[in-house]
């Protein structure tokens, strides 16, 4: 086992983002590998099941909620490890399994994720910028973007909504932390600026950077996520409230 996976830093990440390493719990109600979502029929079947399970009124809402959840389970921990700890988390989609527990014990109807195999990388003697670009390319171009394209098609929801759902999970990772030293915060700022401004569309598996338009510059010249969304995630259709950043408010 890589030392990082036995560290307190990993335990904190896993706890913060509801990640587990190993097998799916026996008491799970349903599970599937993320790679199954790359198959049209399997993707549609899961979104239709999820729609009923979470009480969404249609497949578009279910698809939107699924990607927002994947932003938490897949994107946020990888970027946190990269920017906070200089550790790259690599995994194949077939080794990532979504699973659902009874909401009375789990506290949510949304899925959790377990990883059966992980590889860890670090900058070591290579330029950190080169390593960082590769971590981002593997996360987005190789994994998330192909999934999102299938989910968008199966759920009849726009990619713009799904990308802003992902951005909602990315932005908090890069919030300024007064408890950290300036070197730490500068690295976090630099990584976010690269992700949201400098990174090419190729690293995301897209023609252009898909999250650049979901940022704004604060009065102190710090780049952040937008205070109000440009798109609506459709959450209001399944709950008696709007998201705090909803453009409909």
Protein backbone atom coordinates (compact mmCIF):
# COMPACT_ATOMS: atom_id res chain seq x y z
CA UNK A 1 0.00 0.00 0.00
CA UNK A 2 1.21 3.48 -0.83
CA UNK A 3 2.12 5.41 2.36
CA UNK A 4 -0.35 8.16 1.45
CA UNK A 5 -3.26 5.71 1.69
CA UNK A 6 -2.24 4.94 5.28
CA UNK A 7 -1.80 8.59 6.23
CA UNK A 8 -4.03 10.84 8.28
CA UNK A 9 -4.37 13.08 5.21
CA UNK A 10 -6.02 10.26 3.25
CA UNK A 11 -8.27 9.34 6.16
CA UNK A 12 -9.43 12.95 6.34
CA UNK A 13 -10.09 13.07 2.59
CA UNK A 14 -12.00 9.80 2.66
CA UNK A 15 -14.10 11.00 5.59
CA UNK A 16 -14.78 14.42 4.06
CA UNK A 17 -15.92 13.01 0.72
CA UNK A 18 -17.60 9.73 1.74
CA UNK A 19 -15.00 7.57 0.05
CA UNK A 20 -14.08 4.02 0.94
CA UNK A 21 -11.44 1.60 -0.29
CA UNK A 22 -12.41 -2.02 -0.75
CA UNK A 23 -15.57 -3.90 -1.51
CA UNK A 24 -19.11 -2.56 -1.68
CA UNK A 25 -20.90 -3.05 1.67
CA UNK A 26 -23.07 -6.16 1.71
CA UNK A 27 -26.08 -4.16 2.90
CA UNK A 28 -26.03 -1.88 -0.14
CA UNK A 29 -29.32 -1.55 -2.00
CA UNK A 30 -27.71 -1.12 -5.41
CA UNK A 31 -24.22 -0.77 -6.85
CA UNK A 32 -22.55 -0.36 -10.21
CA UNK A 33 -19.12 0.45 -11.60
CA UNK A 34 -18.71 3.92 -13.10
CA UNK A 35 -17.58 2.23 -16.31
CA UNK A 36 -21.12 0.85 -16.72
CA UNK A 37 -22.34 4.43 -17.25
CA UNK A 38 -20.34 4.49 -20.49
CA UNK A 39 -22.87 2.01 -21.90
CA UNK A 40 -25.98 3.77 -23.16
CA UNK A 41 -28.58 1.29 -21.95
CA UNK A 42 -26.92 0.81 -18.55
CA UNK A 43 -26.64 4.56 -18.10
CA UNK A 44 -30.31 5.14 -18.91
CA UNK A 45 -31.39 2.29 -16.66
CA UNK A 46 -29.43 3.64 -13.70
CA UNK A 47 -30.66 7.22 -14.18
CA UNK A 48 -34.25 5.96 -14.33
CA UNK A 49 -33.68 3.94 -11.15
CA UNK A 50 -32.02 6.92 -9.46
CA UNK A 51 -34.91 9.17 -10.49
CA UNK A 52 -37.36 6.95 -8.61
CA UNK A 53 -35.00 6.39 -5.69
CA UNK A 54 -34.31 10.07 -4.93
CA UNK A 55 -37.79 11.26 -5.82
CA UNK A 56 -36.80 13.30 -8.87
CA UNK A 57 -39.66 14.23 -11.20
CA UNK A 58 -37.78 13.35 -14.38
CA UNK A 59 -34.52 11.97 -15.75
CA UNK A 60 -33.04 15.44 -16.35
CA UNK A 61 -33.16 16.24 -12.63
CA UNK A 62 -31.78 12.81 -11.75
CA UNK A 63 -28.89 13.21 -14.21
CA UNK A 64 -28.08 16.66 -12.84
CA UNK A 65 -28.08 15.40 -9.26
CA UNK A 66 -25.92 12.43 -10.23
CA UNK A 67 -23.18 14.62 -11.71
CA UNK A 68 -23.30 16.97 -8.74
CA UNK A 69 -22.77 13.95 -6.49
CA UNK A 70 -19.94 12.68 -8.68
CA UNK A 71 -18.32 16.08 -8.33
CA UNK A 72 -18.16 15.39 -4.62
CA UNK A 73 -17.15 11.72 -4.79
CA UNK A 74 -14.69 11.83 -7.68
CA UNK A 75 -13.53 15.36 -8.48
CA UNK A 76 -13.19 17.12 -5.13
CA UNK A 77 -11.02 14.48 -3.41
CA UNK A 78 -8.67 14.16 -6.39
CA UNK A 79 -8.17 17.92 -6.59
CA UNK A 80 -7.85 18.20 -2.81
CA UNK A 81 -5.13 15.56 -2.78
CA UNK A 82 -3.34 17.30 -5.65
CA UNK A 83 -3.45 20.83 -4.27
CA UNK A 84 -3.30 20.20 -0.52
CA UNK A 85 -0.91 17.26 -0.38
CA UNK A 86 0.91 17.06 -3.74
CA UNK A 87 -0.54 13.59 -4.27
CA UNK A 88 -2.17 12.40 -7.49
CA UNK A 89 -4.97 9.85 -7.08
CA UNK A 90 -5.40 7.64 -10.12
CA UNK A 91 -8.12 5.08 -10.60
CA UNK A 92 -9.84 3.29 -13.45
CA UNK A 93 -13.59 3.69 -13.85
CA UNK A 94 -14.14 -0.05 -13.56
CA UNK A 95 -12.55 0.12 -10.09
CA UNK A 96 -14.90 2.87 -8.89
CA UNK A 97 -18.27 1.60 -7.71
CA UNK A 98 -21.24 3.71 -6.76
CA UNK A 99 -23.44 2.16 -4.10
CA UNK A 100 -26.59 3.11 -2.24
CA UNK A 101 -27.37 2.40 1.39
CA UNK A 102 -30.72 2.57 3.12
CA UNK A 103 -31.31 6.27 3.71
CA UNK A 104 -32.54 5.65 7.24
CA UNK A 105 -29.01 4.62 8.22
CA UNK A 106 -26.97 6.53 5.65
CA UNK A 107 -28.85 9.80 5.95
CA UNK A 108 -29.10 10.26 2.19
CA UNK A 109 -30.58 8.59 -0.87
CA UNK A 110 -27.60 9.69 -2.96
CA UNK A 111 -24.78 7.24 -3.73
CA UNK A 112 -21.46 6.70 -2.02
CA UNK A 113 -18.36 5.38 -3.80
CA UNK A 114 -15.79 2.74 -3.04
CA UNK A 115 -12.44 2.27 -4.81
CA UNK A 116 -11.06 -1.22 -5.31
CA UNK A 117 -7.70 -0.13 -6.72
CA UNK A 118 -5.81 3.17 -6.57
CA UNK A 119 -2.48 4.42 -7.87
CA UNK A 120 -0.69 7.37 -6.26
CA UNK A 121 1.70 9.75 -8.00
CA UNK A 122 3.74 12.75 -6.82
CA UNK A 123 5.76 15.46 -8.58
CA UNK A 124 9.06 14.01 -7.33
CA UNK A 125 11.85 15.29 -9.56
CA UNK A 126 9.55 16.38 -12.39
CA UNK A 127 8.18 19.92 -12.83
CA UNK A 128 5.05 20.20 -10.72
CA UNK A 129 3.22 21.95 -13.59
CA UNK A 130 3.72 18.93 -15.86
CA UNK A 131 2.56 16.52 -13.17
CA UNK A 132 -0.43 18.73 -12.34
CA UNK A 133 -1.57 18.83 -15.96
CA UNK A 134 -1.43 15.04 -16.14
CA UNK A 135 -3.49 14.64 -12.96
CA UNK A 136 -6.12 16.97 -14.41
CA UNK A 137 -6.10 15.28 -17.81
CA UNK A 138 -6.63 11.84 -16.27
CA UNK A 139 -9.39 13.10 -13.99
CA UNK A 140 -11.38 14.97 -16.61
CA UNK A 141 -10.48 13.98 -20.19
CA UNK A 142 -10.02 10.28 -19.35
CA UNK A 143 -12.75 9.80 -16.73
CA UNK A 144 -15.30 12.45 -15.93
CA UNK A 145 -15.99 14.01 -19.32
CA UNK A 146 -16.84 10.73 -21.10
CA UNK A 147 -19.18 9.89 -18.20
CA UNK A 148 -20.83 13.30 -18.34
CA UNK A 149 -21.45 13.06 -22.08
CA UNK A 150 -23.30 9.76 -21.63
CA UNK A 151 -25.23 11.06 -18.63
CA UNK A 152 -26.20 14.25 -20.50
CA UNK A 153 -27.55 12.20 -23.38
CA UNK A 154 -29.35 9.65 -21.21
CA UNK A 155 -30.88 12.34 -18.99
CA UNK A 156 -31.56 14.93 -21.68
CA UNK A 157 -29.74 17.63 -19.75
CA UNK A 158 -27.25 20.19 -21.03
CA UNK A 159 -23.52 19.83 -20.53
CA UNK A 160 -23.42 23.45 -19.32
CA UNK A 161 -25.58 22.52 -16.32
CA UNK A 162 -23.44 19.49 -15.59
CA UNK A 163 -20.16 21.40 -15.81
CA UNK A 164 -21.45 24.08 -13.46
CA UNK A 165 -22.53 21.30 -11.09
CA UNK A 166 -18.93 20.12 -11.12
CA UNK A 167 -17.68 23.66 -10.59
CA UNK A 168 -19.88 23.95 -7.50
CA UNK A 169 -17.81 21.10 -6.01
CA UNK A 170 -14.46 22.43 -7.24
CA UNK A 171 -14.73 25.99 -5.92
CA UNK A 172 -14.87 25.11 -2.19
CA UNK A 173 -11.67 23.09 -2.55
CA UNK A 174 -9.89 26.30 -3.50
CA UNK A 175 -11.27 28.61 -0.82
CA UNK A 176 -8.71 30.63 1.12
CA UNK A 177 -7.82 29.00 4.44
CA UNK A 178 -6.58 31.35 7.14
CA UNK A 179 -5.34 28.37 9.15
CA UNK A 180 -2.76 27.53 6.47
CA UNK A 181 0.48 29.33 5.71
CA UNK A 182 0.97 31.60 2.71
CA UNK A 183 2.93 29.01 0.73
CA UNK A 184 0.01 26.57 1.02
CA UNK A 185 -2.55 29.18 0.03
CA UNK A 186 -0.43 30.36 -2.89
CA UNK A 187 -0.21 26.83 -4.28
CA UNK A 188 -3.98 26.47 -3.96
CA UNK A 189 -4.55 29.80 -5.71
CA UNK A 190 -2.13 28.88 -8.49
CA UNK A 191 -3.80 25.50 -9.03
CA UNK A 192 -7.26 27.03 -9.21
CA UNK A 193 -6.10 29.72 -11.62
CA UNK A 194 -4.63 27.01 -13.83
CA UNK A 195 -7.78 24.86 -13.66
CA UNK A 196 -10.20 27.67 -14.38
CA UNK A 197 -8.18 29.98 -16.59
CA UNK A 198 -5.04 28.52 -18.14
CA UNK A 199 -5.88 24.84 -18.68
CA UNK A 200 -6.72 24.00 -22.28
CA UNK A 201 -9.94 22.34 -23.31
CA UNK A 202 -7.87 19.29 -24.24
CA UNK A 203 -7.14 18.57 -20.56
CA UNK A 204 -10.90 18.42 -20.03
CA UNK A 205 -11.65 16.42 -23.15
CA UNK A 206 -13.49 19.46 -24.53
CA UNK A 207 -12.88 22.04 -27.27
CA UNK A 208 -12.37 24.77 -24.68
CA UNK A 209 -12.05 25.06 -20.92
CA UNK A 210 -15.58 24.19 -19.70
CA UNK A 211 -15.41 25.87 -16.27
CA UNK A 212 -13.79 29.20 -17.17
CA UNK A 213 -17.12 30.99 -17.49
CA UNK A 214 -18.20 29.90 -14.01
CA UNK A 215 -15.64 32.04 -12.19
CA UNK A 216 -15.39 35.66 -11.12
CA UNK A 217 -12.68 37.89 -9.69
CA UNK A 218 -13.21 39.32 -6.22
CA UNK A 219 -12.28 42.80 -5.09
CA UNK A 220 -8.97 41.47 -3.74
CA UNK A 221 -8.19 40.08 -7.24
CA UNK A 222 -8.69 36.50 -6.08
CA UNK A 223 -10.34 34.18 -8.59
CA UNK A 224 -13.33 32.30 -7.16
CA UNK A 225 -16.43 30.45 -8.24
CA UNK A 226 -19.37 32.67 -9.16
CA UNK A 227 -21.55 33.86 -6.30
CA UNK A 228 -24.61 33.16 -8.49
CA UNK A 229 -24.86 30.31 -10.95
CA UNK A 230 -25.35 30.90 -14.66
CA UNK A 231 -27.38 27.71 -15.03
CA UNK A 232 -29.96 26.06 -12.80
CA UNK A 233 -29.15 22.59 -11.48
CA UNK A 234 -32.91 21.78 -11.33
CA UNK A 235 -32.77 20.85 -7.64
CA UNK A 236 -35.83 23.01 -6.92
CA UNK A 237 -37.94 20.54 -8.91
CA UNK A 238 -37.45 17.84 -6.27
CA UNK A 239 -37.18 19.90 -3.09
CA UNK A 240 -39.13 22.72 -1.41
CA UNK A 241 -36.19 25.09 -1.75
CA UNK A 242 -33.69 26.54 -4.18
CA UNK A 243 -29.90 26.20 -4.05
CA UNK A 244 -28.28 29.25 -2.45
CA UNK A 245 -26.61 30.16 -5.75
CA UNK A 246 -29.65 29.48 -7.93
CA UNK A 247 -30.05 32.03 -10.75
CA UNK A 248 -33.83 31.83 -10.29
CA UNK A 249 -33.63 33.58 -6.90
